[in-house]
């Protein structure tokens, strides 16, 4: 009987070791799924990641090919794409020292009085907020991020009334001491990033003059003018 007990214990230990090895060897895919889920919850559209490379000894991760889909009714092109994002993890399971994204690409698609980024920003605002007591659940942990930085963002404005796409640079984004669930933090970050992109789009339109970027044959694009007026500074 004792022999069979030890055999049973050994089988359980081997099974546990197998599960642990599987989990450890698939941490990259687990992280990938976690990021996609949190981003999709925050923005209400599909967020996809090509790969996540974890360097556990360096407490660092590199996220490759993160894309944010456009809302329904817009093009199949990503609204945002990030070639590479570096995450530096601190001490503790949910403590992140720094997140850096370099040279992301952003599309501003004008459609009548609406645009794709304003819709995404509205969703991001809904995801923001202070962590609720229920956020302490094991499956919905609260994270802290010391520094988040987005540098070198480039945006392209497209629309039916534009002669051609307009490219513009977006000022760098830096946020400190973020705290919340993954979807809440995603909401805070994307809200700010989308906001400064739309501000820049309006500013460029004012500086260059609507007549220089909007098709004159379309009557200077009254619907685009309405869009820019909503963003601030452009009067009909």
Protein backbone atom coordinates (compact mmCIF):
# COMPACT_ATOMS: atom_id res chain seq x y z
CA UNK A 1 0.00 0.00 0.00
CA UNK A 2 2.80 2.41 0.93
CA UNK A 3 4.44 1.71 -2.43
CA UNK A 4 1.30 2.67 -4.29
CA UNK A 5 0.98 5.87 -2.21
CA UNK A 6 4.49 6.93 -3.19
CA UNK A 7 3.80 6.13 -6.82
CA UNK A 8 0.67 8.29 -6.64
CA UNK A 9 2.61 11.16 -5.06
CA UNK A 10 5.28 10.86 -7.76
CA UNK A 11 2.67 10.97 -10.52
CA UNK A 12 1.11 14.10 -8.99
CA UNK A 13 4.51 15.80 -8.67
CA UNK A 14 5.43 14.94 -12.25
CA UNK A 15 2.08 16.27 -13.47
CA UNK A 16 2.55 19.50 -11.51
CA UNK A 17 6.06 19.87 -12.89
CA UNK A 18 4.70 19.32 -16.40
CA UNK A 19 2.07 22.02 -15.94
CA UNK A 20 4.65 24.41 -14.50
CA UNK A 21 7.02 23.75 -17.38
CA UNK A 22 4.22 24.28 -19.91
CA UNK A 23 3.19 27.54 -18.25
CA UNK A 24 6.78 28.79 -18.05
CA UNK A 25 7.57 27.86 -21.64
CA UNK A 26 4.39 29.60 -22.83
CA UNK A 27 4.69 32.81 -20.81
CA UNK A 28 5.18 34.78 -24.01
CA UNK A 29 1.85 33.64 -25.43
CA UNK A 30 0.11 34.21 -22.08
CA UNK A 31 1.43 37.79 -22.01
CA UNK A 32 0.36 38.29 -25.63
CA UNK A 33 -3.20 37.19 -24.85
CA UNK A 34 -3.32 39.37 -21.72
CA UNK A 35 -2.28 42.49 -23.65
CA UNK A 36 -4.75 41.82 -26.45
CA UNK A 37 -7.60 41.31 -23.98
CA UNK A 38 -6.86 44.46 -21.95
CA UNK A 39 -6.45 46.64 -25.03
CA UNK A 40 -9.60 45.34 -26.67
CA UNK A 41 -11.61 45.94 -23.48
CA UNK A 42 -10.32 49.52 -23.23
CA UNK A 43 -10.93 50.53 -26.86
CA UNK A 44 -13.86 48.35 -27.94
CA UNK A 45 -12.00 47.17 -31.06
CA UNK A 46 -9.59 44.34 -31.79
CA UNK A 47 -6.09 44.85 -30.41
CA UNK A 48 -3.55 42.39 -31.79
CA UNK A 49 0.07 41.61 -30.92
CA UNK A 50 2.49 39.75 -33.17
CA UNK A 51 4.73 38.52 -30.36
CA UNK A 52 5.97 39.13 -26.83
CA UNK A 53 9.58 38.34 -26.03
CA UNK A 54 10.24 37.97 -22.30
CA UNK A 55 13.78 38.36 -20.94
CA UNK A 56 13.13 37.11 -17.42
CA UNK A 57 16.72 37.48 -16.20
CA UNK A 58 16.62 41.16 -17.21
CA UNK A 59 13.05 41.68 -15.97
CA UNK A 60 12.16 43.04 -19.39
CA UNK A 61 9.69 42.33 -22.18
CA UNK A 62 9.54 43.47 -25.79
CA UNK A 63 6.12 43.68 -27.45
CA UNK A 64 6.30 43.46 -31.23
CA UNK A 65 3.66 44.48 -33.78
CA UNK A 66 0.85 45.83 -31.58
CA UNK A 67 -2.02 47.09 -33.74
CA UNK A 68 -5.34 48.74 -32.89
CA UNK A 69 -8.16 48.16 -35.39
CA UNK A 70 -10.36 50.93 -36.71
CA UNK A 71 -13.94 51.25 -35.43
CA UNK A 72 -16.70 49.80 -37.67
CA UNK A 73 -17.35 51.88 -40.77
CA UNK A 74 -13.73 52.92 -41.30
CA UNK A 75 -10.94 51.39 -43.37
CA UNK A 76 -9.34 48.02 -42.71
CA UNK A 77 -6.06 49.79 -41.98
CA UNK A 78 -5.02 49.88 -38.30
CA UNK A 79 -5.91 53.08 -36.47
CA UNK A 80 -2.63 52.70 -34.57
CA UNK A 81 0.40 50.48 -34.92
CA UNK A 82 3.43 50.09 -32.67
CA UNK A 83 6.44 48.32 -34.14
CA UNK A 84 8.07 47.79 -30.75
CA UNK A 85 7.23 48.49 -27.10
CA UNK A 86 9.73 47.85 -24.30
CA UNK A 87 8.49 47.04 -20.79
CA UNK A 88 10.85 47.14 -17.78
CA UNK A 89 9.42 45.27 -14.79
CA UNK A 90 10.23 46.30 -11.22
CA UNK A 91 10.01 44.39 -7.97
CA UNK A 92 6.65 42.79 -7.26
CA UNK A 93 4.22 41.02 -9.56
CA UNK A 94 2.33 44.13 -10.67
CA UNK A 95 5.01 46.82 -10.49
CA UNK A 96 6.28 48.14 -13.84
CA UNK A 97 9.16 50.61 -13.86
CA UNK A 98 8.94 51.87 -17.40
CA UNK A 99 7.16 51.38 -20.72
CA UNK A 100 8.58 52.95 -23.87
CA UNK A 101 7.11 53.03 -27.38
CA UNK A 102 9.09 54.49 -30.26
CA UNK A 103 7.73 55.83 -33.58
CA UNK A 104 4.13 54.55 -33.54
CA UNK A 105 1.95 55.17 -36.59
CA UNK A 106 -1.51 56.73 -36.21
CA UNK A 107 -4.25 57.21 -38.83
CA UNK A 108 -6.81 60.02 -38.56
CA UNK A 109 -9.69 59.08 -40.88
CA UNK A 110 -12.26 61.81 -41.48
CA UNK A 111 -15.78 60.69 -42.25
CA UNK A 112 -18.41 63.41 -42.37
CA UNK A 113 -18.57 65.07 -38.97
CA UNK A 114 -16.95 62.07 -37.32
CA UNK A 115 -13.49 60.55 -37.25
CA UNK A 116 -12.07 57.24 -36.14
CA UNK A 117 -9.87 58.53 -33.33
CA UNK A 118 -12.67 60.43 -31.59
CA UNK A 119 -14.65 57.20 -31.41
CA UNK A 120 -11.70 55.30 -29.98
CA UNK A 121 -11.05 58.10 -27.49
CA UNK A 122 -14.65 57.98 -26.29
CA UNK A 123 -14.21 54.27 -25.57
CA UNK A 124 -10.89 54.89 -23.82
CA UNK A 125 -12.51 57.47 -21.53
CA UNK A 126 -15.08 54.89 -20.46
CA UNK A 127 -12.30 52.49 -19.50
CA UNK A 128 -10.50 55.07 -17.34
CA UNK A 129 -11.10 55.65 -13.67
CA UNK A 130 -9.94 54.74 -10.23
CA UNK A 131 -9.59 51.05 -9.43
CA UNK A 132 -12.72 49.63 -7.86
CA UNK A 133 -12.62 47.21 -4.89
CA UNK A 134 -13.49 44.36 -7.25
CA UNK A 135 -10.31 45.13 -9.21
CA UNK A 136 -8.30 43.43 -6.49
CA UNK A 137 -9.56 40.07 -7.67
CA UNK A 138 -6.89 37.61 -8.71
CA UNK A 139 -8.03 37.68 -12.33
CA UNK A 140 -8.16 41.49 -12.47
CA UNK A 141 -5.03 42.78 -10.67
CA UNK A 142 -4.12 46.40 -10.09
CA UNK A 143 -0.85 47.53 -11.69
CA UNK A 144 1.42 50.49 -11.06
CA UNK A 145 3.60 52.02 -13.79
CA UNK A 146 6.36 54.45 -12.83
CA UNK A 147 6.88 55.97 -16.28
CA UNK A 148 5.22 55.57 -19.67
CA UNK A 149 6.75 57.31 -22.67
CA UNK A 150 5.68 57.45 -26.33
CA UNK A 151 8.20 59.11 -28.63
CA UNK A 152 8.31 59.99 -32.30
CA UNK A 153 4.65 59.31 -33.08
CA UNK A 154 3.67 60.03 -36.69
CA UNK A 155 0.08 60.62 -37.77
CA UNK A 156 -1.53 60.64 -41.21
CA UNK A 157 -4.82 62.46 -41.87
CA UNK A 158 -6.98 60.97 -44.62
CA UNK A 159 -10.48 61.79 -45.85
CA UNK A 160 -12.65 62.10 -48.95
CA UNK A 161 -12.27 65.90 -49.05
CA UNK A 162 -8.49 65.95 -48.76
CA UNK A 163 -6.40 66.37 -51.89
CA UNK A 164 -3.92 63.91 -50.46
CA UNK A 165 -3.03 62.42 -47.07
CA UNK A 166 -1.43 64.88 -44.66
CA UNK A 167 1.48 63.63 -42.54
CA UNK A 168 2.34 65.24 -39.23
CA UNK A 169 4.45 64.62 -36.15
CA UNK A 170 2.80 64.26 -32.74
CA UNK A 171 4.44 65.60 -29.61
CA UNK A 172 5.92 63.06 -27.23
CA UNK A 173 3.72 61.68 -24.50
CA UNK A 174 5.01 61.09 -20.97
CA UNK A 175 2.87 59.87 -18.07
CA UNK A 176 4.05 59.05 -14.55
CA UNK A 177 2.75 57.01 -11.62
CA UNK A 178 -0.15 55.33 -13.37
CA UNK A 179 -2.25 52.91 -11.38
CA UNK A 180 -5.22 50.73 -12.22
CA UNK A 181 -6.25 47.51 -13.85
CA UNK A 182 -4.73 46.73 -17.24
CA UNK A 183 -7.80 48.01 -19.12
CA UNK A 184 -8.03 51.16 -16.96
CA UNK A 185 -4.40 52.05 -17.63
CA UNK A 186 -4.84 51.30 -21.33
CA UNK A 187 -7.83 53.68 -21.30
CA UNK A 188 -5.80 56.45 -19.64
CA UNK A 189 -2.87 56.10 -22.03
CA UNK A 190 -4.88 55.86 -25.24
CA UNK A 191 -7.13 58.74 -24.16
CA UNK A 192 -4.08 61.02 -23.83
CA UNK A 193 -2.36 59.77 -27.00
CA UNK A 194 -5.50 60.10 -29.12
CA UNK A 195 -6.22 63.50 -27.63
CA UNK A 196 -2.84 65.03 -28.47
CA UNK A 197 -3.02 63.53 -31.97
CA UNK A 198 -6.38 65.18 -32.65
CA UNK A 199 -5.12 68.47 -31.22
CA UNK A 200 -2.15 68.34 -33.57
CA UNK A 201 -4.40 67.56 -36.54
CA UNK A 202 -6.47 70.68 -35.83
CA UNK A 203 -3.35 72.79 -35.30
CA UNK A 204 -1.81 71.75 -38.60
CA UNK A 205 -5.05 72.51 -40.44
CA UNK A 206 -5.06 76.02 -38.98
CA UNK A 207 -1.38 76.66 -39.72
CA UNK A 208 -1.50 75.46 -43.31
CA UNK A 209 -4.93 76.86 -44.06
CA UNK A 210 -7.91 74.72 -44.91
CA UNK A 211 -7.60 75.61 -48.57
CA UNK A 212 -4.19 73.98 -48.76
CA UNK A 213 -5.27 70.58 -47.51
CA UNK A 214 -8.97 70.34 -48.42
CA UNK A 215 -10.19 69.81 -51.95
CA UNK A 216 -11.60 73.12 -53.25
CA UNK A 217 -13.90 71.28 -55.65
CA UNK A 218 -15.65 69.84 -52.61
CA UNK A 219 -16.51 73.33 -51.36
CA UNK A 220 -13.64 73.31 -48.91
CA UNK A 221 -15.18 70.24 -47.32
CA UNK A 222 -17.77 71.67 -44.97
CA UNK A 223 -18.02 68.43 -43.04
CA UNK A 224 -14.26 68.37 -42.47
CA UNK A 225 -14.44 72.01 -41.37
CA UNK A 226 -17.09 71.03 -38.83
CA UNK A 227 -14.79 68.30 -37.55
CA UNK A 228 -11.87 70.71 -37.14
CA UNK A 229 -14.13 73.29 -35.52
CA UNK A 230 -15.12 70.72 -32.89
CA UNK A 231 -11.44 70.12 -32.12
CA UNK A 232 -10.97 73.82 -31.55
CA UNK A 233 -9.82 76.96 -33.28
CA UNK A 234 -11.26 76.69 -36.79
CA UNK A 235 -14.30 78.87 -37.47
CA UNK A 236 -16.52 78.61 -40.53
